[in-house]
Amino acid sequence: QVQLVESGGGLVQAGGSLRLSCAASGRTFSSYVMGWFRQAPGKEREFVATIRWSGGSGYHADSVKGRFTISRDNGKNTVYLQMNSLKPEDTAVYYCACTTVTRWAPLPREPHEYHYWGQGTQVTVSS
């Protein structure tokens, strides 16, 4: 089983920045795809960003393009979400997730396509 632990959430003013981290258990994740999702109260879980563990620059939702950047550190088994220019509408619980995909398959963007999830970390952006 894969265990994911998010950290780095908190309270920040609009326009500020946060960096979320997701530490994954295990040593080798060559076939994994990592993703970030978020969920606000009363709303469905929303795709934020995804990246292949083996390489590539990742893909970001339109709502966060130009502001958020997903990245990874394979040596630390950690994926990051750098969040800049935060807006109140970014307020949500942010979840790290991972799954396995066939090589060269499209990066999954739906929650049901991911099989392992962290507990989430709260991000609150004040106006």
Protein backbone atom coordinates (compact mmCIF):
# COMPACT_ATOMS: atom_id res chain seq x y z
CA GLN A 1 0.00 0.00 0.00
CA VAL A 2 1.03 3.57 -0.68
CA GLN A 3 0.78 6.14 2.07
CA LEU A 4 0.67 9.86 1.30
CA VAL A 5 1.04 12.67 3.83
CA GLU A 6 0.39 16.30 2.92
CA SER A 7 1.82 19.29 4.73
CA GLY A 8 2.29 23.02 4.25
CA GLY A 9 -1.27 24.29 4.40
CA GLY A 10 -2.33 27.25 6.47
CA LEU A 11 -3.88 30.70 6.50
CA VAL A 12 -2.58 33.26 4.03
CA GLN A 13 -3.62 36.67 2.75
CA ALA A 14 -4.89 37.05 -0.79
CA GLY A 15 -1.94 37.48 -3.13
CA GLY A 16 0.32 35.44 -0.90
CA SER A 17 2.03 32.12 -1.47
CA LEU A 18 2.17 28.64 0.02
CA ARG A 19 4.05 25.49 -0.89
CA LEU A 20 2.35 22.18 -0.21
CA SER A 21 4.33 18.98 0.14
CA CYS A 22 3.24 15.39 -0.26
CA ALA A 23 5.55 12.71 1.10
CA ALA A 24 5.02 9.24 -0.34
CA SER A 25 6.04 5.96 1.23
CA GLY A 26 8.28 3.54 -0.60
CA ARG A 27 11.41 3.87 -2.66
CA THR A 28 10.44 3.34 -6.30
CA PHE A 29 7.53 5.07 -8.01
CA SER A 30 8.55 4.85 -11.65
CA SER A 31 5.07 3.96 -12.91
CA TYR A 32 3.18 6.41 -10.70
CA VAL A 33 1.27 9.53 -11.59
CA MET A 34 0.90 12.08 -8.80
CA GLY A 35 -1.93 14.57 -8.55
CA TRP A 36 -3.26 17.43 -6.49
CA PHE A 37 -6.99 17.95 -5.94
CA ARG A 38 -8.96 20.34 -3.78
CA GLN A 39 -12.38 20.35 -2.22
CA ALA A 40 -14.28 23.27 -0.74
CA PRO A 41 -17.27 22.78 1.59
CA GLY A 42 -20.37 21.72 -0.33
CA LYS A 43 -18.47 21.32 -3.60
CA GLU A 44 -17.13 18.38 -5.56
CA ARG A 45 -13.48 17.45 -5.50
CA GLU A 46 -11.68 19.45 -8.17
CA PHE A 47 -8.59 18.65 -10.20
CA VAL A 48 -5.63 20.98 -9.68
CA ALA A 49 -2.50 19.47 -11.22
CA THR A 50 -0.81 16.19 -12.12
CA ILE A 51 2.67 14.97 -13.02
CA ARG A 52 4.36 11.71 -13.94
CA TRP A 53 6.87 10.45 -11.40
CA SER A 54 9.16 9.33 -14.22
CA GLY A 55 9.40 12.73 -15.89
CA GLY A 56 7.64 15.55 -17.67
CA SER A 57 6.53 18.99 -16.56
CA GLY A 58 2.97 18.11 -15.56
CA TYR A 59 -0.43 19.56 -16.37
CA HIS A 60 -2.41 22.23 -14.52
CA ALA A 61 -6.09 23.07 -14.42
CA ASP A 62 -7.12 26.25 -16.20
CA SER A 63 -8.16 27.79 -12.90
CA VAL A 64 -4.60 27.66 -11.56
CA LYS A 65 -2.41 27.94 -14.67
CA GLY A 66 0.19 30.64 -14.27
CA ARG A 67 -0.22 30.65 -10.48
CA PHE A 68 0.34 27.07 -9.30
CA THR A 69 3.20 24.76 -10.23
CA ILE A 70 3.46 21.05 -9.55
CA SER A 71 6.91 19.54 -9.18
CA ARG A 72 8.61 16.49 -7.71
CA ASP A 73 11.78 15.38 -5.99
CA ASN A 74 12.28 11.71 -6.74
CA GLY A 75 15.14 11.39 -4.26
CA LYS A 76 12.85 12.53 -1.44
CA ASN A 77 9.75 10.71 -2.72
CA THR A 78 7.96 14.03 -2.52
CA VAL A 79 5.69 16.02 -4.80
CA TYR A 80 5.10 19.74 -4.32
CA LEU A 81 2.48 22.29 -5.20
CA GLN A 82 3.81 25.83 -5.26
CA MET A 83 0.86 28.22 -5.00
CA ASN A 84 1.38 31.88 -5.82
CA SER A 85 -1.04 34.80 -6.17
CA LEU A 86 -3.56 33.01 -4.01
CA LYS A 87 -7.21 34.04 -4.19
CA PRO A 88 -10.05 33.52 -1.70
CA GLU A 89 -11.63 31.06 -4.12
CA ASP A 90 -8.55 28.85 -3.70
CA THR A 91 -9.68 28.11 -0.15
CA ALA A 92 -10.17 24.36 0.17
CA VAL A 93 -8.77 21.17 1.58
CA TYR A 94 -5.97 20.12 -0.74
CA TYR A 95 -5.37 16.42 -1.32
CA CYS A 96 -2.41 14.58 -2.74
CA ALA A 97 -3.16 11.44 -4.72
CA CYS A 98 -1.37 8.86 -6.81
CA THR A 99 -2.15 6.12 -9.26
CA THR A 100 -0.48 3.96 -11.90
CA VAL A 101 -1.04 4.40 -15.61
CA THR A 102 -0.06 2.72 -18.83
CA ARG A 103 3.03 4.31 -20.32
CA TRP A 104 2.14 7.28 -22.55
CA ALA A 105 -1.48 7.22 -21.44
CA PRO A 106 -3.09 10.63 -20.90
CA LEU A 107 -2.54 12.11 -17.46
CA PRO A 108 -5.63 11.35 -15.37
CA ARG A 109 -7.65 14.35 -14.18
CA GLU A 110 -10.65 12.77 -12.49
CA PRO A 111 -10.71 11.80 -8.80
CA HIS A 112 -11.97 8.28 -9.53
CA GLU A 113 -8.85 7.62 -11.62
CA TYR A 114 -6.63 7.92 -8.53
CA HIS A 115 -6.37 5.03 -6.10
CA TYR A 116 -4.36 6.37 -3.17
CA TRP A 117 -5.08 9.54 -1.24
CA GLY A 118 -3.60 11.56 1.56
CA GLN A 119 -5.62 12.99 4.43
CA GLY A 120 -5.56 16.52 3.06
CA THR A 121 -4.28 19.85 4.28
CA GLN A 122 -6.38 22.98 4.76
CA VAL A 123 -5.58 26.09 2.75
CA THR A 124 -7.46 29.24 3.72
CA VAL A 125 -7.01 32.47 1.78
CA SER A 126 -8.36 35.61 3.41
CA SER A 127 -9.46 38.71 1.51
